[in-house]
Amino acid sequence: MAQSSAGQTLLKRSFRRKRLRENAAGLFFISPWLIGFLLLMFGPMVFSLGISFTEWNMVGSPKFIGLENYAHMFTSDPFYFKSMIVTFKYVFIMVPLQVVFAILIAVLLNRATYGIKFFRSIFYLPSLIQGVTLALIFSWMLNDDFGPVNYMLELVGLPRVHWLTDPNVALYALIFIALWGVGSPMVLYLSALRSVSSEYYEAADIDGAGPVRKFFNITIPLITPTILFNILTSLISAFQTIVLAFVLTGGGPANSTYFYSLHVYRNAFTHFKMGYASAMAWVMFILIVLLTGLVLASSKYWVHYEDDGGGR
């Protein structure tokens, strides 16, 4: 009896040592990410939260002013709500368009029988060009005087469009440019489409369902997890848009492309109001968290997982 008890004790100790070794190995492998997160993300976030309650111009010591920065942005900043409206307009137009275009291209590629690797590369390669490079390319393509886009419009008898200098057009031009990166989500949708079992379509054929009904009743529901992922990543990315407006329009014309992130940047590095810029950044962070939470909460009504038996 005593020998049996001692044996169990030794077995438990061995099991604990094995778990400790596994945990230590796991922590060792993720330590580069943890160190990077603590030093480059979590630390600066905590610092910016503290700075948001101060008046600080990056020279000298910060002066504590409580909630004045937060009160100022909602009551006295003439550009705050303007930049917020521009950003929300951009997000709520660009994100749905990106989802629709990416799904349509993926569906077309999924039906192709020849050259799918070639066309997949053709649609994906443009998404590798981002940031300043993309902005410079489109600053030439959309140029009022010698841009090839206006030249082609003239060839078909259409008038020139002031893409980046007309307040009524500039924001939509930036949305059009942002759709240049539709190749990345398209690849994910294509992968999701290829994972849909053909049994569903065979059963639908027996029931006499047409292509449109199969698309909306089988294809779309079964790729909703991928749609959810792309909506969340696009939403977060769109709220942080700054490069296109900074390089192409500078927030103009007439502040029609004055994004929230650009307003934060100018307050921080042009006017050296680091405390105020930090407060603005935290308000945007909270808004993004709330919207992300809202989308995730709504997902139980429209995202379907096959493991749930096709239910929600």
Protein backbone atom coordinates (compact mmCIF):
# COMPACT_ATOMS: atom_id res chain seq x y z
CA MET A 1 0.00 0.00 0.00
CA ALA A 2 2.83 2.34 1.05
CA GLN A 3 4.76 1.45 -2.10
CA SER A 4 1.72 2.27 -4.23
CA SER A 5 1.33 5.68 -2.57
CA ALA A 6 5.01 6.48 -3.07
CA GLY A 7 4.73 5.48 -6.70
CA GLN A 8 1.80 7.85 -7.25
CA THR A 9 3.72 10.68 -5.59
CA LEU A 10 6.70 10.10 -7.87
CA LEU A 11 4.37 9.99 -10.87
CA LYS A 12 2.78 13.33 -9.92
CA ARG A 13 6.21 14.94 -9.44
CA SER A 14 7.33 13.67 -12.82
CA PHE A 15 4.18 15.03 -14.42
CA ARG A 16 4.70 18.45 -12.76
CA ARG A 17 8.32 18.59 -13.93
CA LYS A 18 7.21 17.77 -17.47
CA ARG A 19 4.57 20.53 -17.40
CA LEU A 20 7.11 23.02 -16.02
CA ARG A 21 9.58 22.14 -18.79
CA GLU A 22 6.87 22.52 -21.42
CA ASN A 23 5.72 25.87 -19.98
CA ALA A 24 9.33 27.09 -19.81
CA ALA A 25 9.92 26.03 -23.43
CA GLY A 26 6.72 27.81 -24.52
CA LEU A 27 7.69 31.01 -22.70
CA PHE A 28 11.17 30.84 -24.19
CA PHE A 29 9.86 30.62 -27.76
CA ILE A 30 7.35 33.47 -27.34
CA SER A 31 9.74 35.63 -25.29
CA PRO A 32 10.88 37.72 -28.33
CA TRP A 33 7.25 38.67 -29.01
CA LEU A 34 6.56 39.31 -25.31
CA ILE A 35 9.64 41.53 -24.94
CA GLY A 36 8.75 43.42 -28.13
CA PHE A 37 5.14 43.84 -27.00
CA LEU A 38 6.12 45.14 -23.55
CA LEU A 39 8.83 47.51 -24.80
CA LEU A 40 7.33 48.72 -28.09
CA MET A 41 3.57 48.57 -27.51
CA PHE A 42 2.39 48.17 -23.93
CA GLY A 43 5.00 50.52 -22.46
CA PRO A 44 4.34 53.37 -24.95
CA MET A 45 0.57 52.87 -24.54
CA VAL A 46 0.78 53.31 -20.75
CA PHE A 47 3.09 56.31 -21.25
CA SER A 48 0.69 57.94 -23.74
CA LEU A 49 -2.23 57.39 -21.35
CA GLY A 50 -0.33 59.25 -18.64
CA ILE A 51 0.71 62.00 -21.06
CA SER A 52 -2.90 62.48 -22.19
CA PHE A 53 -3.64 64.11 -18.82
CA THR A 54 -0.82 66.62 -19.22
CA GLU A 55 0.30 69.57 -21.30
CA TRP A 56 3.63 68.63 -22.86
CA ASN A 57 5.49 70.00 -25.87
CA MET A 58 8.24 67.34 -25.81
CA VAL A 59 10.60 69.82 -24.13
CA GLY A 60 10.72 70.09 -20.36
CA SER A 61 8.47 68.34 -17.87
CA PRO A 62 4.82 67.52 -18.56
CA LYS A 63 2.29 69.70 -16.67
CA PHE A 64 -0.68 67.83 -15.21
CA ILE A 65 -3.98 69.38 -16.38
CA GLY A 66 -6.44 66.57 -15.63
CA LEU A 67 -9.19 66.12 -18.23
CA GLU A 68 -8.64 69.44 -20.04
CA ASN A 69 -7.34 67.74 -23.20
CA TYR A 70 -10.43 65.55 -23.41
CA ALA A 71 -12.74 68.51 -22.75
CA HIS A 72 -10.94 70.61 -25.38
CA MET A 73 -11.38 68.06 -28.19
CA PHE A 74 -15.15 67.85 -27.65
CA THR A 75 -15.82 71.55 -27.07
CA SER A 76 -13.15 73.80 -28.60
CA ASP A 77 -11.32 71.98 -31.41
CA PRO A 78 -12.86 73.10 -34.75
CA PHE A 79 -11.22 70.23 -36.67
CA TYR A 80 -12.01 67.39 -34.26
CA PHE A 81 -15.51 66.44 -35.42
CA LYS A 82 -14.65 67.32 -39.04
CA SER A 83 -11.79 64.79 -39.01
CA MET A 84 -13.99 62.26 -37.22
CA ILE A 85 -16.73 62.55 -39.87
CA VAL A 86 -14.22 62.20 -42.72
CA THR A 87 -12.73 59.08 -41.10
CA PHE A 88 -16.09 57.41 -40.43
CA LYS A 89 -17.22 58.18 -44.00
CA TYR A 90 -14.04 56.61 -45.37
CA VAL A 91 -14.36 53.51 -43.15
CA PHE A 92 -18.04 52.83 -43.82
CA ILE A 93 -17.60 53.13 -47.59
CA MET A 94 -14.19 51.49 -48.06
CA VAL A 95 -14.62 48.41 -45.81
CA PRO A 96 -17.89 47.12 -47.42
CA LEU A 97 -16.51 47.81 -50.91
CA GLN A 98 -13.34 45.93 -50.12
CA VAL A 99 -15.30 42.93 -48.81
CA VAL A 100 -17.59 42.84 -51.89
CA PHE A 101 -14.81 43.24 -54.47
CA ALA A 102 -12.55 40.70 -52.77
CA ILE A 103 -15.34 38.10 -52.63
CA LEU A 104 -16.34 38.68 -56.28
CA ILE A 105 -12.76 38.32 -57.53
CA ALA A 106 -12.25 35.21 -55.37
CA VAL A 107 -15.46 33.63 -56.72
CA LEU A 108 -14.38 34.30 -60.30
CA LEU A 109 -10.93 32.82 -59.67
CA ASN A 110 -12.46 29.83 -57.89
CA ARG A 111 -14.50 29.03 -61.02
CA ALA A 112 -11.47 29.29 -63.32
CA THR A 113 -10.15 26.01 -64.64
CA TYR A 114 -6.93 27.23 -66.28
CA GLY A 115 -4.27 29.69 -65.17
CA ILE A 116 -5.59 30.17 -61.65
CA LYS A 117 -2.06 30.57 -60.21
CA PHE A 118 -1.26 33.23 -62.81
CA PHE A 119 -4.44 35.25 -62.23
CA ARG A 120 -4.16 34.84 -58.44
CA SER A 121 -0.67 36.35 -58.63
CA ILE A 122 -1.88 39.15 -60.93
CA PHE A 123 -4.56 40.18 -58.44
CA TYR A 124 -2.38 39.68 -55.37
CA LEU A 125 0.83 41.41 -56.48
CA PRO A 126 -0.61 44.98 -56.39
CA SER A 127 -1.42 44.55 -52.69
CA LEU A 128 2.34 44.26 -52.02
CA ILE A 129 2.73 47.91 -53.00
CA GLN A 130 1.58 50.00 -50.06
CA GLY A 131 2.27 53.20 -48.20
CA VAL A 132 4.28 56.03 -49.75
CA THR A 133 5.11 54.04 -52.90
CA LEU A 134 1.44 53.46 -53.64
CA ALA A 135 0.66 57.12 -52.97
CA LEU A 136 3.39 58.32 -55.34
CA ILE A 137 2.21 56.00 -58.11
CA PHE A 138 -1.35 57.31 -57.88
CA SER A 139 -0.22 60.93 -57.56
CA TRP A 140 1.08 60.48 -61.11
CA MET A 141 -1.83 58.38 -62.41
CA LEU A 142 -4.46 60.82 -61.09
CA ASN A 143 -2.61 64.00 -61.97
CA ASP A 144 -4.94 66.68 -63.35
CA ASP A 145 -2.66 67.63 -66.28
CA PHE A 146 -0.73 64.55 -67.42
CA GLY A 147 -2.21 61.61 -65.50
CA PRO A 148 -3.02 58.53 -67.64
CA VAL A 149 -6.46 58.16 -66.00
CA ASN A 150 -7.61 61.57 -67.24
CA TYR A 151 -5.98 60.89 -70.60
CA MET A 152 -8.08 57.72 -71.03
CA LEU A 153 -11.22 59.59 -69.98
CA GLU A 154 -10.57 62.11 -72.73
CA LEU A 155 -10.04 59.33 -75.27
CA VAL A 156 -13.61 58.09 -74.67
CA GLY A 157 -15.03 61.62 -74.72
CA LEU A 158 -15.41 62.14 -70.96
CA PRO A 159 -14.30 65.32 -69.16
CA ARG A 160 -11.19 65.44 -66.99
CA VAL A 161 -11.74 64.83 -63.27
CA HIS A 162 -9.83 66.71 -60.60
CA TRP A 163 -9.31 63.57 -58.56
CA LEU A 164 -7.19 65.01 -55.78
CA THR A 165 -8.04 68.72 -55.96
CA ASP A 166 -11.85 68.66 -56.01
CA PRO A 167 -13.35 68.55 -52.45
CA ASN A 168 -16.29 66.50 -53.74
CA VAL A 169 -14.07 63.85 -55.34
CA ALA A 170 -10.83 63.63 -53.31
CA LEU A 171 -12.12 61.32 -50.57
CA TYR A 172 -13.59 58.88 -53.10
CA ALA A 173 -10.30 58.93 -54.99
CA LEU A 174 -8.52 57.83 -51.80
CA ILE A 175 -11.11 55.07 -51.31
CA PHE A 176 -10.47 53.93 -54.89
CA ILE A 177 -6.72 53.86 -54.21
CA ALA A 178 -7.23 51.90 -50.97
CA LEU A 179 -9.10 49.22 -52.93
CA TRP A 180 -5.81 48.60 -54.72
CA GLY A 181 -4.95 46.32 -51.78
CA VAL A 182 -7.95 44.06 -52.29
CA GLY A 183 -5.62 41.19 -53.24
CA SER A 184 -4.77 40.27 -49.63
CA PRO A 185 -8.36 39.57 -48.48
CA MET A 186 -9.08 38.01 -51.90
CA VAL A 187 -6.50 35.28 -51.22
CA LEU A 188 -8.18 34.48 -47.90
CA TYR A 189 -11.63 34.31 -49.52
CA LEU A 190 -10.26 32.07 -52.27
CA SER A 191 -8.85 29.71 -49.65
CA ALA A 192 -12.20 29.70 -47.82
CA LEU A 193 -14.11 28.99 -51.04
CA ARG A 194 -11.87 26.02 -51.82
CA SER A 195 -12.58 24.55 -48.37
CA VAL A 196 -16.35 24.43 -49.00
CA SER A 197 -17.34 20.81 -49.54
CA SER A 198 -18.79 19.96 -52.96
CA GLU A 199 -21.41 17.80 -51.19
CA TYR A 200 -23.41 20.91 -50.34
CA TYR A 201 -23.57 21.96 -54.00
CA GLU A 202 -24.45 18.41 -55.13
CA ALA A 203 -27.33 18.32 -52.64
CA ALA A 204 -28.46 21.76 -53.86
CA ASP A 205 -28.38 20.53 -57.47
CA ILE A 206 -30.69 17.65 -56.54
CA ASP A 207 -33.06 20.18 -54.93
CA GLY A 208 -32.99 22.24 -58.14
CA ALA A 209 -31.22 25.30 -56.68
CA GLY A 210 -29.79 27.79 -59.18
CA PRO A 211 -26.34 29.48 -59.07
CA VAL A 212 -27.62 32.60 -57.29
CA ARG A 213 -29.43 30.62 -54.61
CA LYS A 214 -26.39 28.38 -54.08
CA PHE A 215 -24.16 31.45 -53.76
CA PHE A 216 -26.28 33.16 -51.11
CA ASN A 217 -27.50 30.03 -49.26
CA ILE A 218 -24.33 27.93 -49.32
CA THR A 219 -21.22 29.85 -50.35
CA ILE A 220 -21.71 33.05 -48.36
CA PRO A 221 -22.80 31.37 -45.08
CA LEU A 222 -19.86 28.95 -45.18
CA ILE A 223 -17.26 31.69 -45.67
CA THR A 224 -18.70 34.04 -43.02
CA PRO A 225 -15.83 33.27 -40.57
CA THR A 226 -13.39 34.62 -43.19
CA ILE A 227 -15.68 37.60 -43.85
CA LEU A 228 -15.70 38.37 -40.13
CA PHE A 229 -11.90 38.22 -39.94
CA ASN A 230 -11.48 40.52 -42.96
CA ILE A 231 -14.07 43.01 -41.69
CA LEU A 232 -12.28 43.30 -38.35
CA THR A 233 -8.80 43.72 -39.83
CA SER A 234 -10.02 46.16 -42.50
CA LEU A 235 -11.97 48.16 -39.92
CA ILE A 236 -8.96 48.57 -37.63
CA SER A 237 -6.65 49.40 -40.54
CA ALA A 238 -9.07 51.91 -42.11
CA PHE A 239 -9.42 53.90 -38.89
CA GLN A 240 -5.64 54.35 -38.85
CA THR A 241 -5.38 55.61 -42.44
CA ILE A 242 -2.95 58.49 -42.77
CA VAL A 243 -0.30 57.87 -45.46
CA LEU A 244 -2.50 58.41 -48.53
CA ALA A 245 -3.95 61.66 -47.22
CA PHE A 246 -0.59 62.85 -45.88
CA VAL A 247 1.24 62.31 -49.19
CA LEU A 248 -1.47 62.96 -51.79
CA THR A 249 -3.68 65.72 -50.39
CA GLY A 250 -2.25 66.88 -47.07
CA GLY A 251 -5.79 66.70 -45.69
CA GLY A 252 -7.24 68.95 -48.40
CA PRO A 253 -8.81 70.22 -50.49
CA ALA A 254 -11.00 72.15 -48.03
CA ASN A 255 -10.26 69.50 -45.36
CA SER A 256 -12.24 66.92 -47.35
CA THR A 257 -9.57 64.27 -46.65
CA TYR A 258 -8.53 65.47 -43.20
CA PHE A 259 -8.48 62.11 -41.41
CA TYR A 260 -8.50 61.70 -37.65
CA SER A 261 -5.03 60.13 -37.68
CA LEU A 262 -3.71 63.09 -39.66
CA HIS A 263 -5.18 65.44 -37.05
CA VAL A 264 -3.45 63.44 -34.30
CA TYR A 265 -0.15 63.53 -36.22
CA ARG A 266 -0.26 67.30 -36.79
CA ASN A 267 -1.08 68.04 -33.17
CA ALA A 268 1.79 65.81 -32.05
CA PHE A 269 4.57 66.65 -34.50
CA THR A 270 3.59 69.98 -36.06
CA HIS A 271 2.09 71.81 -33.07
CA PHE A 272 4.01 69.70 -30.48
CA LYS A 273 0.88 69.14 -28.38
CA MET A 274 1.83 65.64 -27.30
CA GLY A 275 -0.64 65.56 -24.40
CA TYR A 276 -3.57 66.56 -26.61
CA ALA A 277 -2.53 64.17 -29.40
CA SER A 278 -2.27 61.31 -26.87
CA ALA A 279 -5.78 62.07 -25.60
CA MET A 280 -7.10 62.01 -29.18
CA ALA A 281 -5.32 58.72 -29.86
CA TRP A 282 -6.89 57.14 -26.76
CA VAL A 283 -10.37 58.26 -27.79
CA MET A 284 -9.85 56.65 -31.20
CA PHE A 285 -8.50 53.49 -29.54
CA ILE A 286 -11.65 53.24 -27.39
CA LEU A 287 -13.87 53.81 -30.44
CA ILE A 288 -12.10 51.04 -32.38
CA VAL A 289 -12.41 48.66 -29.41
CA LEU A 290 -16.14 49.43 -29.12
CA LEU A 291 -16.78 48.95 -32.85
CA THR A 292 -14.74 45.74 -32.89
CA GLY A 293 -16.70 44.47 -29.90
CA LEU A 294 -19.96 45.40 -31.65
CA VAL A 295 -19.00 43.44 -34.77
CA LEU A 296 -17.91 40.44 -32.68
CA ALA A 297 -21.15 40.57 -30.66
CA SER A 298 -23.20 40.65 -33.88
CA SER A 299 -21.24 37.71 -35.33
CA LYS A 300 -23.35 35.16 -33.42
CA TYR A 301 -26.30 36.15 -35.63
CA TRP A 302 -24.61 35.90 -39.04
CA VAL A 303 -21.36 33.91 -38.77
CA HIS A 304 -21.79 30.17 -39.34
CA TYR A 305 -19.31 27.47 -38.38
CA GLU A 306 -19.48 23.99 -39.87
CA ASP A 307 -18.51 22.51 -36.48
CA ASP A 308 -21.78 23.88 -35.13
CA GLY A 309 -23.71 21.78 -37.62
CA GLY A 310 -24.25 24.77 -39.86
CA GLY A 311 -25.85 26.73 -37.04
CA ARG A 312 -24.80 30.00 -35.55
